[in-house]
N, C-alpha and C. Protein backbone atom coordinates (compact mmCIF):
# COMPACT_ATOMS: atom_id res chain seq x y z
N PHE A 1 116.45 98.16 103.63
CA PHE A 1 115.55 99.30 103.56
C PHE A 1 116.34 100.61 103.69
N ASP A 2 115.89 101.65 103.00
CA ASP A 2 116.39 103.01 103.17
C ASP A 2 115.26 103.87 103.69
N ARG A 3 115.64 104.88 104.49
CA ARG A 3 114.62 105.77 105.03
C ARG A 3 114.78 107.17 104.45
N THR A 4 113.71 107.72 103.93
CA THR A 4 113.67 109.09 103.47
C THR A 4 112.53 109.79 104.18
N GLY A 5 112.88 110.72 105.05
CA GLY A 5 111.85 111.38 105.85
C GLY A 5 111.19 110.38 106.77
N THR A 6 109.89 110.19 106.59
CA THR A 6 109.14 109.24 107.42
C THR A 6 108.81 107.96 106.66
N THR A 7 109.41 107.79 105.49
CA THR A 7 109.07 106.65 104.63
C THR A 7 110.24 105.69 104.49
N TRP A 8 109.95 104.38 104.65
CA TRP A 8 110.95 103.33 104.44
C TRP A 8 110.73 102.70 103.06
N ARG A 9 111.84 102.46 102.34
CA ARG A 9 111.76 101.90 101.00
C ARG A 9 112.64 100.65 100.89
N LEU A 10 112.07 99.54 100.42
CA LEU A 10 112.83 98.31 100.22
C LEU A 10 113.81 98.50 99.08
N THR A 11 115.10 98.26 99.34
CA THR A 11 116.12 98.49 98.31
C THR A 11 116.78 97.20 97.82
N ALA A 12 116.74 96.13 98.61
CA ALA A 12 117.39 94.89 98.18
C ALA A 12 116.89 93.72 98.99
N VAL A 13 116.93 92.54 98.37
CA VAL A 13 116.62 91.28 99.05
C VAL A 13 117.80 90.35 98.81
N LEU A 14 118.46 89.92 99.86
CA LEU A 14 119.62 89.04 99.74
C LEU A 14 119.15 87.58 99.80
N ALA A 15 119.67 86.76 98.89
CA ALA A 15 119.26 85.36 98.83
C ALA A 15 120.45 84.49 98.45
N LEU A 16 120.32 83.20 98.70
CA LEU A 16 121.38 82.25 98.38
C LEU A 16 121.27 81.77 96.93
N GLU A 17 122.41 81.39 96.40
CA GLU A 17 122.46 80.80 95.05
C GLU A 17 123.18 79.45 95.13
N PRO A 18 122.72 78.42 94.39
CA PRO A 18 121.53 78.44 93.53
C PRO A 18 120.26 78.27 94.36
N PRO A 19 119.13 78.72 93.85
CA PRO A 19 117.85 78.65 94.58
C PRO A 19 117.49 77.24 95.04
N ALA A 20 117.90 76.22 94.28
CA ALA A 20 117.51 74.84 94.60
C ALA A 20 118.05 74.39 95.95
N LEU A 21 119.08 75.07 96.48
CA LEU A 21 119.68 74.66 97.75
C LEU A 21 119.26 75.55 98.92
N GLN A 22 118.25 76.38 98.72
CA GLN A 22 117.86 77.33 99.75
C GLN A 22 116.99 76.72 100.85
N THR A 23 116.40 75.55 100.61
CA THR A 23 115.52 74.94 101.59
C THR A 23 116.22 74.73 102.92
N ASN A 24 115.61 75.24 103.98
CA ASN A 24 116.12 75.10 105.35
C ASN A 24 117.47 75.76 105.58
N ALA A 25 117.91 76.64 104.68
CA ALA A 25 119.18 77.35 104.88
C ALA A 25 119.06 78.41 105.97
N THR A 26 117.86 78.89 106.23
CA THR A 26 117.56 79.90 107.25
C THR A 26 118.55 81.06 107.23
N LEU A 27 118.82 81.60 106.04
CA LEU A 27 119.73 82.73 105.90
C LEU A 27 119.22 83.92 106.72
N GLY A 28 120.12 84.47 107.55
CA GLY A 28 119.75 85.60 108.39
C GLY A 28 119.38 85.21 109.80
N ARG A 29 119.52 83.92 110.14
CA ARG A 29 119.23 83.49 111.51
C ARG A 29 120.16 84.19 112.49
N GLY A 30 121.37 84.48 112.02
CA GLY A 30 122.30 85.35 112.73
C GLY A 30 122.63 86.47 111.76
N LEU A 31 122.73 87.71 112.24
CA LEU A 31 122.84 88.83 111.31
C LEU A 31 123.51 90.01 111.99
N THR A 32 124.38 90.72 111.24
CA THR A 32 124.93 91.98 111.73
C THR A 32 125.23 92.87 110.53
N ILE A 33 125.24 94.17 110.75
CA ILE A 33 125.53 95.13 109.68
C ILE A 33 126.56 96.12 110.20
N SER A 34 127.45 96.57 109.32
CA SER A 34 128.48 97.53 109.72
C SER A 34 127.85 98.87 110.02
N ARG A 35 128.55 99.67 110.79
CA ARG A 35 128.00 100.97 111.20
C ARG A 35 127.75 101.89 110.01
N ASP A 36 128.58 101.77 108.96
CA ASP A 36 128.39 102.64 107.82
C ASP A 36 127.40 102.07 106.81
N GLY A 37 126.84 100.89 107.11
CA GLY A 37 125.80 100.31 106.27
C GLY A 37 126.27 99.73 104.96
N THR A 38 127.59 99.45 104.83
CA THR A 38 128.10 98.93 103.56
C THR A 38 128.47 97.45 103.60
N MET A 39 128.31 96.81 104.74
CA MET A 39 128.63 95.38 104.85
C MET A 39 127.61 94.68 105.74
N ILE A 40 127.14 93.53 105.29
CA ILE A 40 126.21 92.71 106.06
C ILE A 40 126.78 91.31 106.17
N LEU A 41 126.72 90.73 107.35
CA LEU A 41 127.09 89.34 107.57
C LEU A 41 125.85 88.58 107.99
N ALA A 42 125.59 87.46 107.33
CA ALA A 42 124.39 86.69 107.60
C ALA A 42 124.73 85.20 107.71
N GLN A 43 124.22 84.56 108.75
CA GLN A 43 124.46 83.13 108.97
C GLN A 43 123.48 82.31 108.15
N SER A 44 123.99 81.24 107.52
CA SER A 44 123.13 80.28 106.85
C SER A 44 123.51 78.88 107.30
N TYR A 45 122.63 77.92 107.07
CA TYR A 45 122.86 76.56 107.53
C TYR A 45 122.61 75.58 106.38
N GLY A 46 122.79 74.30 106.66
CA GLY A 46 122.55 73.27 105.66
C GLY A 46 123.66 73.18 104.64
N THR A 47 123.31 72.79 103.42
CA THR A 47 124.29 72.61 102.35
C THR A 47 125.09 73.88 102.09
N LEU A 48 124.44 75.04 102.24
CA LEU A 48 125.09 76.32 101.99
C LEU A 48 125.44 77.02 103.30
N GLY A 49 125.75 76.23 104.32
CA GLY A 49 126.03 76.79 105.64
C GLY A 49 127.29 77.61 105.69
N GLY A 50 127.28 78.63 106.56
CA GLY A 50 128.44 79.49 106.77
C GLY A 50 128.00 80.90 107.08
N ILE A 51 128.95 81.76 107.37
CA ILE A 51 128.68 83.17 107.56
C ILE A 51 128.98 83.86 106.24
N ARG A 52 127.95 84.39 105.62
CA ARG A 52 128.09 84.98 104.30
C ARG A 52 128.22 86.50 104.43
N THR A 53 129.23 87.05 103.75
CA THR A 53 129.45 88.49 103.82
C THR A 53 128.99 89.13 102.50
N TYR A 54 128.22 90.21 102.64
CA TYR A 54 127.73 90.97 101.50
C TYR A 54 128.24 92.40 101.60
N VAL A 55 128.66 92.97 100.48
CA VAL A 55 129.15 94.35 100.47
C VAL A 55 128.34 95.17 99.50
N LEU A 56 128.17 96.45 99.83
CA LEU A 56 127.40 97.36 99.01
C LEU A 56 128.33 98.14 98.08
N GLY A 57 128.13 97.98 96.79
CA GLY A 57 128.92 98.69 95.80
C GLY A 57 128.05 99.54 94.90
N ALA A 58 128.64 100.06 93.84
CA ALA A 58 127.91 100.94 92.93
C ALA A 58 126.72 100.25 92.28
N SER A 59 126.83 98.93 92.10
CA SER A 59 125.75 98.20 91.44
C SER A 59 124.83 97.48 92.42
N GLY A 60 124.99 97.76 93.70
CA GLY A 60 124.13 97.13 94.71
C GLY A 60 124.90 96.16 95.59
N TRP A 61 124.17 95.23 96.20
CA TRP A 61 124.77 94.27 97.13
C TRP A 61 125.29 93.04 96.39
N THR A 62 126.50 92.62 96.73
CA THR A 62 127.08 91.40 96.17
C THR A 62 127.68 90.56 97.28
N GLU A 63 127.65 89.24 97.10
CA GLU A 63 128.26 88.35 98.08
C GLU A 63 129.77 88.38 97.89
N GLU A 64 130.49 88.65 98.99
CA GLU A 64 131.94 88.77 98.92
C GLU A 64 132.65 87.46 99.26
N SER A 65 132.22 86.82 100.35
CA SER A 65 132.89 85.59 100.79
C SER A 65 131.99 84.81 101.74
N VAL A 66 132.41 83.58 102.02
CA VAL A 66 131.69 82.73 102.98
C VAL A 66 132.69 82.22 104.00
N LEU A 67 132.43 82.44 105.28
CA LEU A 67 133.32 82.01 106.35
C LEU A 67 132.78 80.72 106.97
N SER A 68 133.70 79.81 107.25
CA SER A 68 133.34 78.55 107.90
C SER A 68 134.17 78.39 109.16
N PRO A 69 133.75 78.99 110.28
CA PRO A 69 134.52 78.88 111.51
C PRO A 69 134.57 77.45 112.02
N PRO A 70 135.59 77.10 112.82
CA PRO A 70 135.70 75.74 113.35
C PRO A 70 134.43 75.28 114.08
N THR A 71 133.79 76.21 114.79
CA THR A 71 132.52 75.93 115.47
C THR A 71 131.62 77.14 115.25
N PRO A 72 130.38 76.97 114.80
CA PRO A 72 129.49 78.11 114.58
C PRO A 72 129.16 78.83 115.88
N GLY A 73 128.76 80.08 115.75
CA GLY A 73 128.38 80.85 116.93
C GLY A 73 127.91 82.23 116.54
N GLY A 74 127.56 83.03 117.55
CA GLY A 74 127.18 84.40 117.28
C GLY A 74 128.39 85.22 116.87
N PHE A 75 128.17 86.34 116.20
CA PHE A 75 129.30 87.10 115.69
C PHE A 75 129.03 88.60 115.74
N VAL A 76 130.12 89.37 115.72
CA VAL A 76 130.01 90.82 115.77
C VAL A 76 131.17 91.43 114.99
N LEU A 77 130.91 92.53 114.29
CA LEU A 77 131.93 93.26 113.55
C LEU A 77 132.51 94.36 114.42
N SER A 78 133.81 94.64 114.23
CA SER A 78 134.39 95.81 114.86
C SER A 78 133.84 97.05 114.16
N PRO A 79 133.86 98.22 114.80
CA PRO A 79 133.28 99.42 114.20
C PRO A 79 133.86 99.76 112.83
N ASP A 80 135.15 99.46 112.59
CA ASP A 80 135.74 99.75 111.28
C ASP A 80 135.55 98.60 110.29
N HIS A 81 134.80 97.58 110.68
CA HIS A 81 134.52 96.33 109.98
C HIS A 81 135.77 95.70 109.33
N LEU A 82 136.90 95.80 110.05
CA LEU A 82 138.12 95.13 109.62
C LEU A 82 138.38 93.87 110.46
N ARG A 83 137.63 93.72 111.55
CA ARG A 83 137.77 92.55 112.40
C ARG A 83 136.40 91.96 112.69
N LEU A 84 136.38 90.66 112.86
CA LEU A 84 135.15 89.92 113.16
C LEU A 84 135.43 88.97 114.31
N ALA A 85 134.58 88.98 115.30
CA ALA A 85 134.69 88.04 116.42
C ALA A 85 133.52 87.09 116.38
N ILE A 86 133.80 85.79 116.42
CA ILE A 86 132.76 84.77 116.43
C ILE A 86 132.82 84.06 117.79
N GLY A 87 131.76 84.20 118.54
CA GLY A 87 131.70 83.57 119.87
C GLY A 87 131.09 82.20 119.77
N ALA A 88 131.91 81.17 119.94
CA ALA A 88 131.45 79.78 119.82
C ALA A 88 131.38 79.15 121.20
N GLY A 89 130.29 79.40 121.91
CA GLY A 89 130.14 78.86 123.24
C GLY A 89 130.07 77.35 123.29
N GLY A 90 129.78 76.72 122.14
CA GLY A 90 129.68 75.26 122.09
C GLY A 90 130.96 74.59 121.63
N ALA A 91 132.03 75.33 121.50
CA ALA A 91 133.29 74.75 121.03
C ALA A 91 133.92 73.83 122.07
N THR A 92 134.50 72.73 121.58
CA THR A 92 135.26 71.83 122.45
C THR A 92 136.71 72.28 122.45
N VAL A 93 137.25 72.51 123.63
CA VAL A 93 138.61 73.02 123.77
C VAL A 93 139.43 72.07 124.64
N GLY A 94 140.46 71.48 124.07
CA GLY A 94 141.30 70.56 124.85
C GLY A 94 140.51 69.39 125.42
N GLY A 95 139.51 68.92 124.66
CA GLY A 95 138.69 67.81 125.11
C GLY A 95 137.57 68.22 126.04
N ARG A 96 137.47 69.51 126.36
CA ARG A 96 136.44 70.00 127.29
C ARG A 96 135.22 70.46 126.47
N THR A 97 134.16 69.67 126.51
CA THR A 97 132.96 69.93 125.72
C THR A 97 132.27 71.22 126.17
N ASN A 98 131.88 72.03 125.18
CA ASN A 98 131.17 73.28 125.44
C ASN A 98 131.94 74.24 126.33
N ALA A 99 133.26 74.12 126.33
CA ALA A 99 134.07 75.08 127.08
C ALA A 99 134.01 76.46 126.42
N GLY A 100 134.00 76.46 125.09
CA GLY A 100 133.81 77.69 124.35
C GLY A 100 135.10 78.36 123.91
N ALA A 101 135.01 79.13 122.83
CA ALA A 101 136.15 79.86 122.29
C ALA A 101 135.63 81.04 121.47
N VAL A 102 136.50 82.00 121.22
CA VAL A 102 136.18 83.12 120.34
C VAL A 102 137.19 83.14 119.21
N TYR A 103 136.69 83.10 117.97
CA TYR A 103 137.55 83.10 116.78
C TYR A 103 137.60 84.52 116.22
N LEU A 104 138.81 85.00 115.93
CA LEU A 104 139.00 86.34 115.41
C LEU A 104 139.42 86.28 113.94
N TYR A 105 138.74 87.04 113.12
CA TYR A 105 139.05 87.12 111.69
C TYR A 105 139.46 88.55 111.35
N SER A 106 140.35 88.69 110.35
CA SER A 106 140.74 89.99 109.84
C SER A 106 140.29 90.12 108.39
N HIS A 107 139.82 91.30 108.02
CA HIS A 107 139.36 91.55 106.67
C HIS A 107 140.49 92.22 105.88
N VAL A 108 140.96 91.54 104.86
CA VAL A 108 142.05 92.05 104.02
C VAL A 108 141.59 92.01 102.57
N GLY A 109 141.52 93.16 101.94
CA GLY A 109 141.05 93.21 100.56
C GLY A 109 139.60 92.78 100.48
N THR A 110 139.35 91.65 99.80
CA THR A 110 137.99 91.14 99.67
C THR A 110 137.81 89.79 100.35
N SER A 111 138.72 89.46 101.27
CA SER A 111 138.63 88.16 101.94
C SER A 111 138.85 88.30 103.44
N TRP A 112 138.42 87.27 104.16
CA TRP A 112 138.60 87.21 105.61
C TRP A 112 139.58 86.10 105.94
N SER A 113 140.49 86.37 106.88
CA SER A 113 141.47 85.38 107.30
C SER A 113 141.32 85.09 108.79
N LEU A 114 141.31 83.80 109.14
CA LEU A 114 141.19 83.40 110.54
C LEU A 114 142.50 83.73 111.25
N GLY A 115 142.40 84.45 112.35
CA GLY A 115 143.56 84.82 113.14
C GLY A 115 143.58 84.08 114.46
N PRO A 116 143.90 84.79 115.56
CA PRO A 116 144.00 84.12 116.87
C PRO A 116 142.65 83.58 117.36
N THR A 117 142.74 82.53 118.17
CA THR A 117 141.58 81.99 118.86
C THR A 117 141.73 82.31 120.34
N VAL A 118 140.69 82.90 120.92
CA VAL A 118 140.75 83.31 122.33
C VAL A 118 140.06 82.26 123.20
N THR A 119 140.78 81.77 124.19
CA THR A 119 140.21 80.87 125.21
C THR A 119 140.73 81.33 126.57
N PRO A 120 139.96 81.13 127.63
CA PRO A 120 140.40 81.58 128.96
C PRO A 120 141.37 80.58 129.59
N PRO A 121 142.23 81.05 130.48
CA PRO A 121 143.18 80.14 131.15
C PRO A 121 142.48 79.14 132.07
N ASP A 122 141.26 79.47 132.53
CA ASP A 122 140.54 78.59 133.44
C ASP A 122 139.41 77.86 132.73
N SER A 123 139.60 77.59 131.44
CA SER A 123 138.56 76.94 130.63
C SER A 123 138.10 75.63 131.25
N THR A 124 136.78 75.47 131.35
CA THR A 124 136.18 74.27 131.94
C THR A 124 135.00 73.82 131.08
N ALA A 125 134.79 72.53 131.00
CA ALA A 125 133.67 71.99 130.22
C ALA A 125 132.36 72.63 130.67
N GLY A 126 131.56 73.04 129.69
CA GLY A 126 130.24 73.60 130.00
C GLY A 126 130.22 75.08 130.30
N ASP A 127 131.37 75.76 130.29
CA ASP A 127 131.41 77.19 130.61
C ASP A 127 130.65 78.03 129.59
N GLY A 128 130.73 77.65 128.32
CA GLY A 128 130.09 78.43 127.28
C GLY A 128 130.78 79.76 127.01
N PHE A 129 132.11 79.76 127.13
CA PHE A 129 132.90 80.96 126.84
C PHE A 129 132.63 81.41 125.41
N GLY A 130 132.23 82.67 125.23
CA GLY A 130 131.92 83.17 123.89
C GLY A 130 130.44 83.18 123.59
N GLY A 131 129.61 82.91 124.60
CA GLY A 131 128.17 82.92 124.39
C GLY A 131 127.65 84.29 123.95
N GLY A 132 128.41 85.33 124.26
CA GLY A 132 128.09 86.68 123.82
C GLY A 132 129.40 87.40 123.53
N VAL A 133 129.45 88.21 122.49
CA VAL A 133 130.67 88.95 122.15
C VAL A 133 130.31 90.36 121.71
N SER A 134 131.19 91.33 122.06
CA SER A 134 130.97 92.71 121.66
C SER A 134 132.30 93.44 121.63
N PHE A 135 132.52 94.25 120.58
CA PHE A 135 133.73 95.08 120.47
C PHE A 135 133.51 96.44 121.12
N ASP A 136 134.62 97.05 121.57
CA ASP A 136 134.56 98.45 121.96
C ASP A 136 134.67 99.31 120.70
N ASP A 137 134.56 100.63 120.84
CA ASP A 137 134.56 101.52 119.68
C ASP A 137 135.86 101.46 118.91
N GLY A 138 136.97 101.16 119.59
CA GLY A 138 138.26 101.11 118.92
C GLY A 138 138.56 99.80 118.24
N GLY A 139 137.74 98.77 118.52
CA GLY A 139 137.95 97.46 117.93
C GLY A 139 139.14 96.72 118.50
N THR A 140 139.64 97.18 119.67
CA THR A 140 140.82 96.55 120.27
C THR A 140 140.52 95.78 121.55
N THR A 141 139.28 95.88 122.01
CA THR A 141 138.87 95.19 123.23
C THR A 141 137.55 94.48 122.97
N ILE A 142 137.42 93.25 123.52
CA ILE A 142 136.19 92.48 123.36
C ILE A 142 135.62 92.12 124.72
N ALA A 143 134.31 92.31 124.86
CA ALA A 143 133.60 91.80 126.04
C ALA A 143 133.06 90.42 125.65
N ILE A 144 133.36 89.41 126.47
CA ILE A 144 133.00 88.03 126.15
C ILE A 144 132.15 87.46 127.26
N GLY A 145 130.99 86.92 126.90
CA GLY A 145 130.11 86.32 127.88
C GLY A 145 130.52 84.88 128.21
N VAL A 146 130.50 84.55 129.50
CA VAL A 146 130.77 83.18 129.97
C VAL A 146 129.63 82.83 130.92
N SER A 147 128.47 82.59 130.34
CA SER A 147 127.24 82.53 131.13
C SER A 147 127.16 81.36 132.10
N SER A 148 127.90 80.27 131.84
CA SER A 148 127.77 79.10 132.71
C SER A 148 129.03 78.85 133.54
N ASP A 149 129.82 79.89 133.73
CA ASP A 149 131.03 79.76 134.54
C ASP A 149 130.66 79.54 136.01
N ASP A 150 131.31 78.55 136.64
CA ASP A 150 131.12 78.31 138.07
C ASP A 150 132.20 79.04 138.86
N HIS A 151 131.81 79.75 139.89
CA HIS A 151 132.79 80.40 140.77
C HIS A 151 132.20 80.56 142.16
N ALA A 152 132.84 81.37 142.98
CA ALA A 152 132.41 81.50 144.38
C ALA A 152 130.97 81.97 144.50
N GLY A 153 130.47 82.63 143.45
CA GLY A 153 129.10 83.12 143.50
C GLY A 153 128.06 82.04 143.30
N GLY A 154 128.50 80.87 142.81
CA GLY A 154 127.57 79.77 142.62
C GLY A 154 127.77 79.04 141.30
N ILE A 155 127.03 77.95 141.13
CA ILE A 155 127.09 77.16 139.90
C ILE A 155 126.40 77.94 138.78
N ASP A 156 127.03 77.96 137.60
CA ASP A 156 126.52 78.68 136.44
C ASP A 156 126.22 80.14 136.76
N ALA A 157 127.00 80.72 137.67
CA ALA A 157 126.78 82.12 138.04
C ALA A 157 127.16 83.06 136.91
N GLY A 158 128.12 82.64 136.08
CA GLY A 158 128.53 83.46 134.95
C GLY A 158 129.58 84.49 135.31
N SER A 159 130.40 84.88 134.33
CA SER A 159 131.44 85.87 134.57
C SER A 159 131.92 86.47 133.25
N PRO A 160 131.27 87.52 132.78
CA PRO A 160 131.74 88.17 131.55
C PRO A 160 133.21 88.58 131.68
N ARG A 161 133.95 88.45 130.59
CA ARG A 161 135.38 88.78 130.60
C ARG A 161 135.66 89.94 129.64
N ILE A 162 136.63 90.76 129.97
CA ILE A 162 137.09 91.85 129.10
C ILE A 162 138.47 91.45 128.62
N VAL A 163 138.63 91.33 127.30
CA VAL A 163 139.87 90.80 126.72
C VAL A 163 140.39 91.76 125.66
N SER A 164 141.69 92.05 125.71
CA SER A 164 142.32 92.82 124.64
C SER A 164 142.46 91.92 123.42
N VAL A 165 142.18 92.47 122.24
CA VAL A 165 142.29 91.67 121.02
C VAL A 165 143.74 91.23 120.84
N PRO A 166 143.99 89.91 120.77
CA PRO A 166 145.36 89.42 120.60
C PRO A 166 145.96 89.94 119.29
N LEU A 167 147.23 90.32 119.34
CA LEU A 167 147.90 90.80 118.16
C LEU A 167 148.45 89.63 117.35
N ALA A 168 148.38 89.75 116.05
CA ALA A 168 148.78 88.65 115.16
C ALA A 168 150.29 88.58 115.01
N PRO A 169 150.84 87.36 114.88
CA PRO A 169 152.28 87.19 114.68
C PRO A 169 152.67 87.46 113.23
N GLU A 170 153.97 87.55 112.99
CA GLU A 170 154.46 87.75 111.63
C GLU A 170 153.96 86.64 110.71
N GLY A 171 153.52 87.03 109.53
CA GLY A 171 153.03 86.07 108.55
C GLY A 171 151.53 85.97 108.49
N ASP A 172 150.83 86.39 109.56
CA ASP A 172 149.37 86.37 109.55
C ASP A 172 148.83 87.51 108.70
N ALA A 173 147.65 87.31 108.13
CA ALA A 173 147.02 88.35 107.33
C ALA A 173 146.65 89.55 108.21
N CYS A 174 146.71 90.75 107.64
CA CYS A 174 146.38 91.94 108.40
C CYS A 174 145.76 92.99 107.48
N SER A 175 145.02 93.89 108.08
CA SER A 175 144.45 95.00 107.32
C SER A 175 145.08 96.32 107.72
N ASP A 176 145.68 96.37 108.90
CA ASP A 176 146.41 97.55 109.34
C ASP A 176 147.41 97.15 110.42
N ALA A 177 148.36 98.03 110.70
CA ALA A 177 149.46 97.71 111.61
C ALA A 177 149.01 97.45 113.04
N THR A 178 147.86 98.01 113.43
CA THR A 178 147.41 97.83 114.82
C THR A 178 147.05 96.38 115.13
N ALA A 179 146.89 95.56 114.07
CA ALA A 179 146.54 94.16 114.29
C ALA A 179 147.77 93.28 114.51
N CYS A 180 148.96 93.83 114.28
CA CYS A 180 150.20 93.03 114.29
C CYS A 180 151.03 93.25 115.56
N ALA A 181 151.56 92.16 116.10
CA ALA A 181 152.43 92.24 117.27
C ALA A 181 153.68 93.04 116.96
N SER A 182 154.15 92.96 115.71
CA SER A 182 155.37 93.67 115.31
C SER A 182 155.12 95.15 115.07
N GLY A 183 153.85 95.51 114.86
CA GLY A 183 153.52 96.90 114.55
C GLY A 183 153.66 97.24 113.08
N PHE A 184 153.91 96.21 112.24
CA PHE A 184 154.08 96.45 110.80
C PHE A 184 153.13 95.55 110.00
N CYS A 185 152.33 96.15 109.14
CA CYS A 185 151.47 95.42 108.22
C CYS A 185 151.90 95.82 106.81
N VAL A 186 152.51 94.88 106.09
CA VAL A 186 153.06 95.17 104.77
C VAL A 186 152.57 94.10 103.78
N ASP A 187 152.11 94.53 102.64
CA ASP A 187 151.63 93.60 101.60
C ASP A 187 150.54 92.68 102.12
N GLY A 188 149.76 93.15 103.09
CA GLY A 188 148.63 92.36 103.59
C GLY A 188 148.99 91.32 104.62
N VAL A 189 150.25 91.32 105.12
CA VAL A 189 150.65 90.38 106.17
C VAL A 189 151.45 91.12 107.25
N CYS A 190 151.43 90.59 108.46
CA CYS A 190 152.25 91.15 109.53
C CYS A 190 153.72 90.86 109.23
N CYS A 191 154.53 91.91 109.28
CA CYS A 191 155.92 91.80 108.84
C CYS A 191 156.89 92.10 109.98
N THR A 192 158.11 91.61 109.85
CA THR A 192 159.12 91.82 110.88
C THR A 192 159.63 93.26 110.91
N SER A 193 159.42 94.00 109.82
CA SER A 193 159.90 95.38 109.76
C SER A 193 158.99 96.19 108.85
N ALA A 194 159.28 97.49 108.73
CA ALA A 194 158.48 98.35 107.86
C ALA A 194 158.64 97.96 106.40
N CYS A 195 159.75 97.35 106.04
CA CYS A 195 159.97 96.76 104.71
C CYS A 195 159.60 97.72 103.58
N GLY A 196 160.03 98.96 103.69
CA GLY A 196 159.73 99.93 102.64
C GLY A 196 158.33 100.48 102.66
N GLY A 197 157.56 100.09 103.67
CA GLY A 197 156.20 100.61 103.80
C GLY A 197 155.24 100.11 102.75
N GLY A 198 155.59 98.99 102.10
CA GLY A 198 154.68 98.43 101.11
C GLY A 198 154.80 99.08 99.74
N SER A 199 155.84 99.88 99.52
CA SER A 199 156.04 100.51 98.21
C SER A 199 156.21 99.43 97.15
N THR A 200 155.66 99.67 95.98
CA THR A 200 155.77 98.70 94.88
C THR A 200 157.04 98.88 94.06
N THR A 201 157.86 99.87 94.42
CA THR A 201 159.07 100.16 93.63
C THR A 201 160.36 100.03 94.42
N ASP A 202 160.29 99.51 95.66
CA ASP A 202 161.51 99.44 96.47
C ASP A 202 162.20 98.09 96.43
N CYS A 203 161.66 97.16 95.62
CA CYS A 203 162.28 95.85 95.41
C CYS A 203 162.41 95.03 96.68
N GLN A 204 161.45 95.15 97.58
CA GLN A 204 161.38 94.29 98.75
C GLN A 204 159.91 94.06 99.10
N ALA A 205 159.66 92.93 99.71
CA ALA A 205 158.28 92.57 100.02
C ALA A 205 158.25 91.65 101.22
N CYS A 206 157.03 91.45 101.75
CA CYS A 206 156.87 90.64 102.96
C CYS A 206 155.91 89.47 102.75
N SER A 207 155.23 89.43 101.63
CA SER A 207 154.24 88.39 101.36
C SER A 207 154.84 87.26 100.55
N ALA A 208 154.49 86.03 100.92
CA ALA A 208 154.98 84.86 100.18
C ALA A 208 154.56 84.91 98.72
N ALA A 209 153.42 85.51 98.46
CA ALA A 209 152.94 85.59 97.08
C ALA A 209 153.87 86.41 96.20
N LEU A 210 154.63 87.31 96.84
CA LEU A 210 155.56 88.16 96.09
C LEU A 210 157.00 87.67 96.16
N THR A 211 157.36 87.06 97.29
CA THR A 211 158.77 86.66 97.50
C THR A 211 159.05 85.21 97.15
N GLY A 212 158.00 84.38 97.21
CA GLY A 212 158.21 82.95 97.00
C GLY A 212 158.72 82.24 98.24
N GLY A 213 158.95 83.01 99.30
CA GLY A 213 159.39 82.42 100.57
C GLY A 213 158.27 82.42 101.59
N ALA A 214 158.63 82.54 102.86
CA ALA A 214 157.63 82.53 103.93
C ALA A 214 157.10 83.95 104.16
N SER A 215 155.80 84.08 104.35
CA SER A 215 155.22 85.37 104.66
C SER A 215 155.69 85.84 106.03
N GLY A 216 155.90 87.15 106.15
CA GLY A 216 156.27 87.72 107.44
C GLY A 216 157.69 88.23 107.51
N ALA A 217 158.55 87.77 106.62
CA ALA A 217 159.94 88.20 106.60
C ALA A 217 160.16 89.14 105.41
N CYS A 218 160.77 90.29 105.66
CA CYS A 218 161.05 91.23 104.60
C CYS A 218 162.20 90.69 103.74
N VAL A 219 161.94 90.54 102.45
CA VAL A 219 162.90 89.94 101.55
C VAL A 219 163.13 90.84 100.35
N ALA A 220 164.40 90.97 99.95
CA ALA A 220 164.71 91.72 98.74
C ALA A 220 164.30 90.89 97.53
N LEU A 221 163.63 91.50 96.59
CA LEU A 221 163.15 90.79 95.40
C LEU A 221 164.27 90.70 94.37
N SER A 222 164.27 89.58 93.68
CA SER A 222 165.25 89.41 92.61
C SER A 222 164.82 90.18 91.38
N ALA A 223 165.70 90.32 90.44
CA ALA A 223 165.40 91.08 89.22
C ALA A 223 164.27 90.47 88.43
N THR A 224 164.01 89.16 88.64
CA THR A 224 162.96 88.48 87.87
C THR A 224 161.69 88.29 88.69
N ALA A 225 161.69 88.73 89.94
CA ALA A 225 160.52 88.52 90.81
C ALA A 225 159.34 89.39 90.38
């Protein structure tokens, strides 16, 4: 919907394709929208299950990608919609049922890449770590709910945690340098160095797609690369 003055106007209806597989998909059972209103993430289930991302372009809304996290859960976008946190309170971690985990994704180009997985050092079965997730305005800190954590306050007393977003190692996908432990994001991956700053004319690159080697290492390109 768009609002003009005091009037709301329906502008789009998002649906799954093909229609024959929409039964019981419950698209939108989980839902979030970016602050600038140009990206929507919607959870679906069944045959077409996953977190579906839609982006707003000149011709309207289009489906960009479908994410399939290791364990489903609630999700939240960072304010710049370059990071996504999925809180999977029902995840099994190290054999501990429902201990919970938070999966972090980075948005690069038109795709999402799974990055670090956050788990607490005191993970225990039934804690439900990740039952709630929220980013700060900078997208560098996450508040994580652990609603069934047992501690001195009692059984299932709960203990929300504040966690700095883990930085990605060399070779992981990135959208900007702040996501990388090295401080360098080149050619869409975390790199060991500035590597020419991603220039297309300096004959060096950091992505395996360009070098033919391992992503993350700055490599001089051959004359035929």
